[in-house]
Amino acid sequence: MSERLAQLGELCTCGRQAVTVYITERFGEVGYCGRSDGGDRMRPCPFCQGERHEGRCPSYRLRLVGEDEGVRISHRVGGAS
């Protein structure tokens, strides 16, 4: 397995902005935010909109394609706007 720095918009399996992207044989590129808490458990899964998963969501994508899929990214990276 190898890794690289994440680019803006690449997501962890919990839905946060990724800091590292692991390149795996089984799942391809998988983002990691550096926190192992599983994300915000009070909100639905950001990838399938269902209940949160114990592991990786089967619908996980490194990047959300767009609002046409019914999902919006509200992450801010860096300073305030």
C-alpha atoms as a PDB file:
ATOM      1  CA  MET A   1       0.000   0.000   0.000  1.00  0.00           C
ATOM      2  CA  SER A   2       1.275   3.467  -0.784  1.00  0.00           C
ATOM      3  CA  GLU A   3       0.031   6.924   0.140  1.00  0.00           C
ATOM      4  CA  ARG A   4       0.019  10.546  -1.012  1.00  0.00           C
ATOM      5  CA  LEU A   5      -1.100  13.906   0.316  1.00  0.00           C
ATOM      6  CA  ALA A   6      -4.797  14.556  -0.228  1.00  0.00           C
ATOM      7  CA  GLN A   7      -6.026  17.332  -2.482  1.00  0.00           C
ATOM      8  CA  LEU A   8      -8.788  19.776  -1.599  1.00  0.00           C
ATOM      9  CA  GLY A   9     -12.153  18.052  -1.985  1.00  0.00           C
ATOM     10  CA  GLU A  10     -10.868  14.528  -1.361  1.00  0.00           C
ATOM     11  CA  LEU A  11     -12.756  12.993   1.527  1.00  0.00           C
ATOM     12  CA  CYS A  12     -12.095  10.624   4.379  1.00  0.00           C
ATOM     13  CA  THR A  13     -14.435   7.660   4.820  1.00  0.00           C
ATOM     14  CA  CYS A  14     -16.088   9.673   7.647  1.00  0.00           C
ATOM     15  CA  GLY A  15     -16.882  12.571   5.298  1.00  0.00           C
ATOM     16  CA  ARG A  16     -14.253  15.060   6.512  1.00  0.00           C
ATOM     17  CA  GLN A  17     -11.574  16.580   4.281  1.00  0.00           C
ATOM     18  CA  ALA A  18      -8.826  13.965   3.890  1.00  0.00           C
ATOM     19  CA  VAL A  19      -5.194  14.770   4.678  1.00  0.00           C
ATOM     20  CA  THR A  20      -3.773  11.508   3.319  1.00  0.00           C
ATOM     21  CA  VAL A  21      -4.950   9.255   0.505  1.00  0.00           C
ATOM     22  CA  TYR A  22      -3.989   5.592   0.760  1.00  0.00           C
ATOM     23  CA  ILE A  23      -3.718   3.703  -2.503  1.00  0.00           C
ATOM     24  CA  THR A  24      -4.947   0.166  -1.931  1.00  0.00           C
ATOM     25  CA  GLU A  25      -5.376  -2.889  -4.135  1.00  0.00           C
ATOM     26  CA  ARG A  26      -8.785  -3.758  -2.720  1.00  0.00           C
ATOM     27  CA  PHE A  27     -10.516  -0.338  -2.602  1.00  0.00           C
ATOM     28  CA  GLY A  28      -8.363   1.900  -4.806  1.00  0.00           C
ATOM     29  CA  GLU A  29      -7.751   5.372  -3.370  1.00  0.00           C
ATOM     30  CA  VAL A  30      -9.126   5.875   0.153  1.00  0.00           C
ATOM     31  CA  GLY A  31      -8.945   9.172   2.040  1.00  0.00           C
ATOM     32  CA  TYR A  32      -8.082   9.526   5.730  1.00  0.00           C
ATOM     33  CA  CYS A  33      -8.587  12.680   7.833  1.00  0.00           C
ATOM     34  CA  GLY A  34      -6.247  11.659  10.650  1.00  0.00           C
ATOM     35  CA  ARG A  35      -9.021  11.101  13.191  1.00  0.00           C
ATOM     36  CA  SER A  36     -10.368   7.665  14.025  1.00  0.00           C
ATOM     37  CA  ASP A  37     -13.656   8.761  15.619  1.00  0.00           C
ATOM     38  CA  GLY A  38     -15.859   7.859  12.628  1.00  0.00           C
ATOM     39  CA  GLY A  39     -17.153  11.389  12.053  1.00  0.00           C
ATOM     40  CA  ASP A  40     -20.388  13.003  13.164  1.00  0.00           C
ATOM     41  CA  ARG A  41     -22.570  10.101  14.337  1.00  0.00           C
ATOM     42  CA  MET A  42     -25.624  12.370  14.687  1.00  0.00           C
ATOM     43  CA  ARG A  43     -25.841  12.984  10.946  1.00  0.00           C
ATOM     44  CA  PRO A  44     -26.479  10.496   8.151  1.00  0.00           C
ATOM     45  CA  CYS A  45     -23.667   8.922   6.188  1.00  0.00           C
ATOM     46  CA  PRO A  46     -22.416  11.553   3.694  1.00  0.00           C
ATOM     47  CA  PHE A  47     -22.116   8.973   0.918  1.00  0.00           C
ATOM     48  CA  CYS A  48     -25.373   6.974   1.061  1.00  0.00           C
ATOM     49  CA  GLN A  49     -27.484   9.257   3.318  1.00  0.00           C
ATOM     50  CA  GLY A  50     -28.351   6.224   5.469  1.00  0.00           C
ATOM     51  CA  GLU A  51     -27.326   5.425   9.021  1.00  0.00           C
ATOM     52  CA  ARG A  52     -23.625   5.686   9.871  1.00  0.00           C
ATOM     53  CA  HIS A  53     -21.540   2.563   9.269  1.00  0.00           C
ATOM     54  CA  GLU A  54     -19.056   0.906  11.592  1.00  0.00           C
ATOM     55  CA  GLY A  55     -16.619   0.611   8.691  1.00  0.00           C
ATOM     56  CA  ARG A  56     -16.321   2.083   5.226  1.00  0.00           C
ATOM     57  CA  CYS A  57     -19.623   2.834   3.438  1.00  0.00           C
ATOM     58  CA  PRO A  58     -20.120   0.654   0.349  1.00  0.00           C
ATOM     59  CA  SER A  59     -21.004   3.891  -1.503  1.00  0.00           C
ATOM     60  CA  TYR A  60     -17.801   5.715  -0.427  1.00  0.00           C
ATOM     61  CA  ARG A  61     -16.167   7.892  -3.073  1.00  0.00           C
ATOM     62  CA  LEU A  62     -12.927   9.837  -2.668  1.00  0.00           C
ATOM     63  CA  ARG A  63     -14.660  12.875  -4.201  1.00  0.00           C
ATOM     64  CA  LEU A  64     -18.352  13.693  -4.227  1.00  0.00           C
ATOM     65  CA  VAL A  65     -19.352  14.167  -7.841  1.00  0.00           C
ATOM     66  CA  GLY A  66     -21.776  17.056  -7.345  1.00  0.00           C
ATOM     67  CA  GLU A  67     -25.025  18.370  -5.983  1.00  0.00           C
ATOM     68  CA  ASP A  68     -26.985  16.364  -8.530  1.00  0.00           C
ATOM     69  CA  GLU A  69     -26.393  13.376  -6.229  1.00  0.00           C
ATOM     70  CA  GLY A  70     -28.186  15.178  -3.409  1.00  0.00           C
ATOM     71  CA  VAL A  71     -25.085  15.698  -1.272  1.00  0.00           C
ATOM     72  CA  ARG A  72     -23.388  19.010  -0.452  1.00  0.00           C
ATOM     73  CA  ILE A  73     -19.958  19.553   1.019  1.00  0.00           C
ATOM     74  CA  SER A  74     -19.834  22.149   3.775  1.00  0.00           C
ATOM     75  CA  HIS A  75     -16.200  21.689   4.810  1.00  0.00           C
ATOM     76  CA  ARG A  76     -14.002  24.781   5.077  1.00  0.00           C
ATOM     77  CA  VAL A  77     -10.275  24.342   4.911  1.00  0.00           C
ATOM     78  CA  GLY A  78      -8.058  27.206   6.047  1.00  0.00           C
ATOM     79  CA  GLY A  79      -9.218  30.588   7.324  1.00  0.00           C
ATOM     80  CA  ALA A  80     -12.674  32.063   7.631  1.00  0.00           C
ATOM     81  CA  SER A  81     -14.423  33.439   4.587  1.00  0.00           C
END
